[in-house]
Every structure is written in C-alpha cells, then in structure tokens.
Amino acid sequence: MELAQVRLLVTDFPRCYRFYRDALGLKPQFDAEEGPYAKFTPDGGGAGIALQDRTQMAQVLGELAAEPTGYRSLVVLRVDDVDRYCAEITRRGAVLVHGPAPMTDRMRVAHLTDPAGNLVELQQWLVPRG
C-alpha cells in the first residue's frame, strides 16, 4: 500500500487552487484552476495534496453538501528554512496565523489557513529525527 494523496474538499476551488499554486508555490500536475480536481506534488515526494470540489463529491456522498465549520484538516509541509519560506509566501499573499516559532527544541513551525479553512503547518526540523 502507498499513500497517493491527501484530498481536501473545497468550496471555492479556483481560490484554493491559486493559494496552493501561487502562495505556497506548489506545482500542479496539470493546469486545472477551475477544477473540479487538482493534485500538487511537492518536490522530492510521491504523495501529494489534492483539491476536490465539494459540490462534485456531494453528488457521490450527499452528507458532504453541508459546509463544515472550524478547521477541516491539518496539512503538514516540511521545509528547509521556515523563516525564509514564510517570508516568501507572505510576499505572495499568504497570511500566517502563528509563527514562525519553536514548537519543541527540535522543530520550528508556522501555521496558516487556506481559503477553505484547512490549517497548514510548515515545519523545519532543527535536529534530525532518529
């Protein structure tokens, strides 16, 4: 078994697509700004983050039609230098809700939300795991 993707259900697909592509700088597999589906695979990884239009998925699972409240998920992305990356993405329009700041003596983190309300954690390991 292999993890292929984490799929986020979103209501405003074009806005979320632009957030992951333009603000976070992730590369989509193909141009699909209008949806209903797109996958972003970070450099150096096989699994990716996918976006799925909530309305389309609600046609399959009706209970998904209701918009959830609060944070929907936590997506974690590891970066080499969290301070530098946060400076880059805030210049491109991302808004941090926390950090960058130490989380433990081994890691620094920052948090932001995507346009659909999903929480994104950016983490930098200061001391290698293991």
N, C-alpha and C. Protein backbone atom coordinates (compact mmCIF):
# COMPACT_ATOMS: atom_id res chain seq x y z
N MET A 1 0.83 -1.17 0.00
CA MET A 1 0.00 0.00 0.00
C MET A 1 0.89 1.24 0.00
N GLU A 2 0.43 2.27 -0.68
CA GLU A 2 1.18 3.51 -0.80
C GLU A 2 0.23 4.68 -0.66
N LEU A 3 0.62 5.69 0.10
CA LEU A 3 -0.18 6.89 0.21
C LEU A 3 -0.04 7.67 -1.10
N ALA A 4 -1.15 7.89 -1.77
CA ALA A 4 -1.13 8.60 -3.04
C ALA A 4 -1.34 10.09 -2.86
N GLN A 5 -2.26 10.46 -1.94
CA GLN A 5 -2.57 11.87 -1.76
C GLN A 5 -3.44 12.06 -0.53
N VAL A 6 -3.46 13.27 -0.05
CA VAL A 6 -4.44 13.72 0.92
C VAL A 6 -5.32 14.68 0.13
N ARG A 7 -6.62 14.41 0.10
CA ARG A 7 -7.52 15.21 -0.71
C ARG A 7 -8.35 16.13 0.18
N LEU A 8 -8.33 17.41 -0.16
CA LEU A 8 -9.08 18.41 0.59
C LEU A 8 -10.33 18.79 -0.19
N LEU A 9 -11.47 18.74 0.47
CA LEU A 9 -12.72 19.15 -0.17
C LEU A 9 -12.87 20.65 0.01
N VAL A 10 -13.07 21.36 -1.10
CA VAL A 10 -13.10 22.82 -1.07
C VAL A 10 -14.33 23.35 -1.79
N THR A 11 -14.81 24.49 -1.32
CA THR A 11 -15.98 25.11 -1.92
C THR A 11 -15.59 26.08 -3.02
N ASP A 12 -14.61 26.93 -2.78
CA ASP A 12 -14.14 27.89 -3.78
C ASP A 12 -12.89 27.32 -4.43
N PHE A 13 -13.08 26.43 -5.38
CA PHE A 13 -11.96 25.71 -5.99
C PHE A 13 -10.90 26.64 -6.59
N PRO A 14 -11.28 27.61 -7.45
CA PRO A 14 -10.25 28.46 -8.06
C PRO A 14 -9.39 29.19 -7.03
N ARG A 15 -10.01 29.69 -5.98
CA ARG A 15 -9.26 30.43 -4.95
C ARG A 15 -8.29 29.50 -4.22
N CYS A 16 -8.73 28.30 -3.87
CA CYS A 16 -7.85 27.34 -3.20
C CYS A 16 -6.73 26.89 -4.12
N TYR A 17 -7.04 26.66 -5.38
CA TYR A 17 -6.03 26.26 -6.37
C TYR A 17 -4.93 27.32 -6.44
N ARG A 18 -5.32 28.58 -6.55
CA ARG A 18 -4.33 29.66 -6.63
C ARG A 18 -3.51 29.76 -5.34
N PHE A 19 -4.13 29.49 -4.19
CA PHE A 19 -3.41 29.53 -2.92
C PHE A 19 -2.27 28.51 -2.92
N TYR A 20 -2.57 27.26 -3.25
CA TYR A 20 -1.54 26.22 -3.23
C TYR A 20 -0.51 26.42 -4.33
N ARG A 21 -0.96 26.88 -5.50
CA ARG A 21 -0.03 27.11 -6.61
C ARG A 21 0.77 28.40 -6.43
N ASP A 22 0.08 29.50 -6.19
CA ASP A 22 0.73 30.81 -6.20
C ASP A 22 1.32 31.21 -4.85
N ALA A 23 0.56 31.06 -3.78
CA ALA A 23 1.06 31.49 -2.47
C ALA A 23 2.07 30.50 -1.91
N LEU A 24 1.73 29.19 -1.91
CA LEU A 24 2.65 28.21 -1.36
C LEU A 24 3.71 27.76 -2.35
N GLY A 25 3.47 27.99 -3.64
CA GLY A 25 4.47 27.66 -4.66
C GLY A 25 4.54 26.19 -5.02
N LEU A 26 3.45 25.44 -4.77
CA LEU A 26 3.44 24.03 -5.15
C LEU A 26 3.09 23.91 -6.62
N LYS A 27 3.64 22.89 -7.27
CA LYS A 27 3.43 22.71 -8.70
C LYS A 27 2.27 21.74 -8.94
N PRO A 28 1.24 22.18 -9.68
CA PRO A 28 0.15 21.26 -10.02
C PRO A 28 0.59 20.27 -11.09
N GLN A 29 -0.02 19.08 -11.06
CA GLN A 29 0.29 18.09 -12.10
C GLN A 29 -0.14 18.57 -13.47
N PHE A 30 -1.24 19.34 -13.51
CA PHE A 30 -1.75 19.88 -14.76
C PHE A 30 -2.53 21.15 -14.42
N ASP A 31 -2.74 22.00 -15.42
CA ASP A 31 -3.46 23.25 -15.22
C ASP A 31 -4.95 22.96 -15.06
N ALA A 32 -5.50 23.27 -13.89
CA ALA A 32 -6.91 22.99 -13.62
C ALA A 32 -7.50 24.01 -12.66
N GLU A 33 -7.25 25.29 -12.91
CA GLU A 33 -7.68 26.32 -11.96
C GLU A 33 -9.18 26.32 -11.71
N GLU A 34 -9.96 25.88 -12.66
CA GLU A 34 -11.42 25.87 -12.48
C GLU A 34 -11.93 24.55 -11.89
N GLY A 35 -11.02 23.58 -11.69
CA GLY A 35 -11.41 22.31 -11.06
C GLY A 35 -12.07 21.37 -12.02
N PRO A 36 -12.71 20.37 -11.52
CA PRO A 36 -13.09 20.13 -10.13
C PRO A 36 -12.03 19.39 -9.31
N TYR A 37 -10.86 19.09 -9.91
CA TYR A 37 -9.84 18.31 -9.22
C TYR A 37 -8.46 18.80 -9.64
N ALA A 38 -7.54 18.80 -8.68
CA ALA A 38 -6.13 19.09 -8.99
C ALA A 38 -5.27 18.44 -7.92
N LYS A 39 -4.07 18.04 -8.32
CA LYS A 39 -3.11 17.45 -7.38
C LYS A 39 -1.81 18.22 -7.45
N PHE A 40 -1.27 18.53 -6.27
CA PHE A 40 0.00 19.22 -6.14
C PHE A 40 0.97 18.27 -5.46
N THR A 41 2.11 18.04 -6.08
CA THR A 41 3.11 17.15 -5.50
C THR A 41 4.36 17.96 -5.18
N PRO A 42 4.70 18.08 -3.90
CA PRO A 42 5.92 18.82 -3.54
C PRO A 42 7.15 18.14 -4.12
N ASP A 43 8.19 18.94 -4.38
CA ASP A 43 9.46 18.39 -4.86
C ASP A 43 9.96 17.35 -3.87
N GLY A 44 10.45 16.24 -4.37
CA GLY A 44 11.03 15.22 -3.51
C GLY A 44 10.04 14.27 -2.88
N GLY A 45 8.79 14.31 -3.30
CA GLY A 45 7.82 13.40 -2.70
C GLY A 45 6.95 12.75 -3.74
N GLY A 46 6.41 11.59 -3.40
CA GLY A 46 5.50 10.90 -4.30
C GLY A 46 4.05 11.23 -4.00
N ALA A 47 3.72 11.32 -2.71
CA ALA A 47 2.35 11.66 -2.31
C ALA A 47 2.15 13.15 -2.52
N GLY A 48 0.92 13.57 -2.57
CA GLY A 48 0.65 14.98 -2.78
C GLY A 48 -0.60 15.43 -2.07
N ILE A 49 -0.89 16.71 -2.25
CA ILE A 49 -2.11 17.32 -1.75
C ILE A 49 -3.01 17.51 -2.95
N ALA A 50 -4.22 17.01 -2.83
CA ALA A 50 -5.18 17.17 -3.93
C ALA A 50 -6.34 18.03 -3.46
N LEU A 51 -6.93 18.75 -4.38
CA LEU A 51 -8.14 19.53 -4.12
C LEU A 51 -9.28 18.89 -4.90
N GLN A 52 -10.42 18.81 -4.27
CA GLN A 52 -11.62 18.26 -4.91
C GLN A 52 -12.76 19.22 -4.63
N ASP A 53 -13.49 19.58 -5.66
CA ASP A 53 -14.65 20.45 -5.49
C ASP A 53 -15.69 19.74 -4.60
N ARG A 54 -16.07 20.38 -3.50
CA ARG A 54 -17.01 19.79 -2.54
C ARG A 54 -18.34 19.45 -3.19
N THR A 55 -18.84 20.31 -4.09
CA THR A 55 -20.12 20.07 -4.74
C THR A 55 -20.09 18.79 -5.57
N GLN A 56 -18.97 18.56 -6.25
CA GLN A 56 -18.86 17.34 -7.05
C GLN A 56 -18.87 16.10 -6.16
N MET A 57 -18.11 16.13 -5.05
CA MET A 57 -18.09 14.98 -4.14
C MET A 57 -19.43 14.77 -3.45
N ALA A 58 -20.19 15.85 -3.25
CA ALA A 58 -21.51 15.73 -2.62
C ALA A 58 -22.48 14.96 -3.51
N GLN A 59 -22.20 14.90 -4.81
CA GLN A 59 -23.02 14.09 -5.71
C GLN A 59 -22.82 12.61 -5.42
N VAL A 60 -21.67 12.26 -4.87
CA VAL A 60 -21.37 10.87 -4.53
C VAL A 60 -21.78 10.58 -3.09
N LEU A 61 -21.40 11.47 -2.19
CA LEU A 61 -21.73 11.34 -0.76
C LEU A 61 -22.50 12.57 -0.33
N GLY A 62 -23.83 12.45 -0.30
CA GLY A 62 -24.71 13.58 -0.06
C GLY A 62 -24.42 14.37 1.20
N GLU A 63 -23.93 13.72 2.26
CA GLU A 63 -23.68 14.42 3.51
C GLU A 63 -22.56 15.47 3.39
N LEU A 64 -21.80 15.43 2.31
CA LEU A 64 -20.73 16.40 2.11
C LEU A 64 -21.25 17.75 1.61
N ALA A 65 -22.54 17.84 1.31
CA ALA A 65 -23.11 19.08 0.80
C ALA A 65 -23.05 20.20 1.84
N ALA A 66 -23.17 19.86 3.11
CA ALA A 66 -23.14 20.87 4.16
C ALA A 66 -21.70 21.33 4.38
N GLU A 67 -21.51 22.63 4.38
CA GLU A 67 -20.18 23.20 4.60
C GLU A 67 -19.78 23.01 6.07
N PRO A 68 -18.63 22.39 6.34
CA PRO A 68 -18.21 22.20 7.73
C PRO A 68 -17.78 23.52 8.37
N THR A 69 -17.73 23.53 9.68
CA THR A 69 -17.26 24.71 10.40
C THR A 69 -15.94 24.37 11.10
N GLY A 70 -15.18 25.38 11.44
CA GLY A 70 -13.90 25.17 12.11
C GLY A 70 -12.87 24.62 11.14
N TYR A 71 -11.70 24.27 11.70
CA TYR A 71 -10.66 23.69 10.86
C TYR A 71 -11.12 22.35 10.33
N ARG A 72 -10.81 22.08 9.09
CA ARG A 72 -11.23 20.84 8.45
C ARG A 72 -10.16 19.78 8.52
N SER A 73 -8.92 20.19 8.46
CA SER A 73 -7.79 19.26 8.46
C SER A 73 -6.52 20.02 8.81
N LEU A 74 -5.45 19.27 8.98
CA LEU A 74 -4.13 19.87 9.20
C LEU A 74 -3.18 19.25 8.18
N VAL A 75 -2.71 20.06 7.27
CA VAL A 75 -1.75 19.63 6.25
C VAL A 75 -0.38 20.08 6.74
N VAL A 76 0.58 19.16 6.77
CA VAL A 76 1.92 19.48 7.25
C VAL A 76 2.91 19.38 6.09
N LEU A 77 3.65 20.46 5.90
CA LEU A 77 4.68 20.51 4.87
C LEU A 77 6.02 20.79 5.53
N ARG A 78 7.01 19.97 5.26
CA ARG A 78 8.35 20.18 5.80
C ARG A 78 9.13 21.05 4.84
N VAL A 79 9.80 22.07 5.38
CA VAL A 79 10.62 22.99 4.58
C VAL A 79 12.02 23.05 5.19
N ASP A 80 12.99 23.48 4.39
CA ASP A 80 14.37 23.55 4.87
C ASP A 80 14.59 24.72 5.82
N ASP A 81 13.96 25.86 5.53
CA ASP A 81 14.14 27.07 6.33
C ASP A 81 12.78 27.75 6.48
N VAL A 82 12.12 27.53 7.61
CA VAL A 82 10.75 28.01 7.78
C VAL A 82 10.68 29.54 7.75
N ASP A 83 11.68 30.22 8.29
CA ASP A 83 11.65 31.69 8.27
C ASP A 83 11.72 32.23 6.85
N ARG A 84 12.64 31.69 6.07
CA ARG A 84 12.79 32.12 4.67
C ARG A 84 11.54 31.81 3.87
N TYR A 85 11.01 30.60 4.04
CA TYR A 85 9.82 30.19 3.29
C TYR A 85 8.62 31.06 3.67
N CYS A 86 8.47 31.37 4.96
CA CYS A 86 7.36 32.23 5.39
C CYS A 86 7.49 33.63 4.81
N ALA A 87 8.70 34.15 4.75
CA ALA A 87 8.91 35.46 4.13
C ALA A 87 8.49 35.43 2.66
N GLU A 88 8.85 34.35 1.96
CA GLU A 88 8.47 34.21 0.54
C GLU A 88 6.96 34.15 0.36
N ILE A 89 6.30 33.30 1.14
CA ILE A 89 4.86 33.10 0.90
C ILE A 89 4.02 34.28 1.37
N THR A 90 4.47 35.02 2.38
CA THR A 90 3.71 36.21 2.78
C THR A 90 3.83 37.30 1.71
N ARG A 91 4.97 37.37 1.03
CA ARG A 91 5.09 38.31 -0.10
C ARG A 91 4.12 37.93 -1.22
N ARG A 92 3.80 36.64 -1.33
CA ARG A 92 2.89 36.18 -2.38
C ARG A 92 1.44 36.15 -1.91
N GLY A 93 1.16 36.66 -0.71
CA GLY A 93 -0.23 36.79 -0.28
C GLY A 93 -0.69 35.88 0.84
N ALA A 94 0.11 34.93 1.26
CA ALA A 94 -0.29 34.05 2.36
C ALA A 94 -0.27 34.86 3.67
N VAL A 95 -1.17 34.51 4.59
CA VAL A 95 -1.25 35.18 5.88
C VAL A 95 -1.01 34.16 6.97
N LEU A 96 0.03 34.37 7.76
CA LEU A 96 0.35 33.47 8.85
C LEU A 96 -0.60 33.72 10.02
N VAL A 97 -1.02 32.66 10.69
CA VAL A 97 -1.82 32.80 11.91
C VAL A 97 -0.99 32.51 13.15
N HIS A 98 0.23 31.97 12.95
CA HIS A 98 1.13 31.68 14.07
C HIS A 98 2.54 31.48 13.53
N GLY A 99 3.50 32.04 14.26
CA GLY A 99 4.90 31.77 13.97
C GLY A 99 5.46 32.57 12.82
N PRO A 100 6.66 32.16 12.41
CA PRO A 100 7.44 31.00 12.82
C PRO A 100 7.89 31.12 14.28
N ALA A 101 7.87 29.97 14.95
CA ALA A 101 8.23 29.91 16.36
C ALA A 101 8.63 28.48 16.70
N PRO A 102 9.40 28.33 17.79
CA PRO A 102 9.74 26.97 18.21
C PRO A 102 8.49 26.20 18.63
N MET A 103 8.43 24.92 18.26
CA MET A 103 7.37 24.06 18.75
C MET A 103 7.94 23.14 19.82
N THR A 104 9.14 22.68 19.56
CA THR A 104 9.91 21.90 20.53
C THR A 104 11.36 22.34 20.35
N ASP A 105 12.27 21.73 21.10
CA ASP A 105 13.67 22.08 20.90
C ASP A 105 14.22 21.50 19.60
N ARG A 106 13.43 20.68 18.92
CA ARG A 106 13.86 20.05 17.67
C ARG A 106 13.22 20.63 16.42
N MET A 107 12.21 21.50 16.60
CA MET A 107 11.44 21.92 15.43
C MET A 107 10.92 23.35 15.58
N ARG A 108 10.91 24.08 14.44
CA ARG A 108 10.25 25.39 14.35
C ARG A 108 9.07 25.23 13.40
N VAL A 109 7.97 25.91 13.71
CA VAL A 109 6.77 25.78 12.89
C VAL A 109 6.13 27.14 12.65
N ALA A 110 5.30 27.18 11.62
CA ALA A 110 4.42 28.31 11.34
C ALA A 110 3.10 27.72 10.88
N HIS A 111 2.02 28.46 11.09
CA HIS A 111 0.70 27.99 10.68
C HIS A 111 -0.03 29.07 9.88
N LEU A 112 -0.80 28.62 8.91
CA LEU A 112 -1.66 29.48 8.12
C LEU A 112 -2.87 28.67 7.71
N THR A 113 -3.88 29.34 7.21
CA THR A 113 -5.05 28.62 6.72
C THR A 113 -5.19 28.87 5.22
N ASP A 114 -5.72 27.85 4.54
CA ASP A 114 -6.00 28.03 3.12
C ASP A 114 -7.38 28.67 2.98
N PRO A 115 -7.79 29.07 1.80
CA PRO A 115 -9.08 29.73 1.63
C PRO A 115 -10.28 28.88 2.03
N ALA A 116 -10.12 27.55 2.12
CA ALA A 116 -11.23 26.69 2.52
C ALA A 116 -11.27 26.47 4.03
N GLY A 117 -10.31 27.02 4.76
CA GLY A 117 -10.28 26.86 6.21
C GLY A 117 -9.43 25.71 6.70
N ASN A 118 -8.69 25.05 5.82
CA ASN A 118 -7.78 23.98 6.24
C ASN A 118 -6.53 24.60 6.86
N LEU A 119 -6.08 24.04 7.95
CA LEU A 119 -4.89 24.53 8.63
C LEU A 119 -3.66 23.91 7.96
N VAL A 120 -2.66 24.75 7.66
CA VAL A 120 -1.42 24.29 7.06
C VAL A 120 -0.29 24.59 8.04
N GLU A 121 0.47 23.54 8.37
CA GLU A 121 1.64 23.71 9.24
C GLU A 121 2.89 23.58 8.39
N LEU A 122 3.77 24.55 8.53
CA LEU A 122 5.08 24.50 7.89
C LEU A 122 6.07 24.16 8.99
N GLN A 123 6.87 23.12 8.79
CA GLN A 123 7.79 22.72 9.85
C GLN A 123 9.20 22.59 9.33
N GLN A 124 10.12 22.99 10.19
CA GLN A 124 11.55 22.86 9.91
C GLN A 124 12.15 22.07 11.06
N TRP A 125 12.75 20.93 10.74
CA TRP A 125 13.43 20.14 11.75
C TRP A 125 14.79 20.75 12.02
N LEU A 126 15.06 21.08 13.27
CA LEU A 126 16.35 21.65 13.66
C LEU A 126 17.37 20.58 13.97
N VAL A 127 16.88 19.47 14.51
CA VAL A 127 17.73 18.32 14.84
C VAL A 127 17.14 17.14 14.07
N PRO A 128 17.95 16.46 13.27
CA PRO A 128 17.41 15.32 12.51
C PRO A 128 16.75 14.28 13.42
N ARG A 129 15.66 13.73 12.91
CA ARG A 129 14.98 12.65 13.63
C ARG A 129 15.86 11.40 13.58
N GLY A 130 15.66 10.56 14.60
CA GLY A 130 16.34 9.27 14.56
C GLY A 130 17.34 9.17 15.57
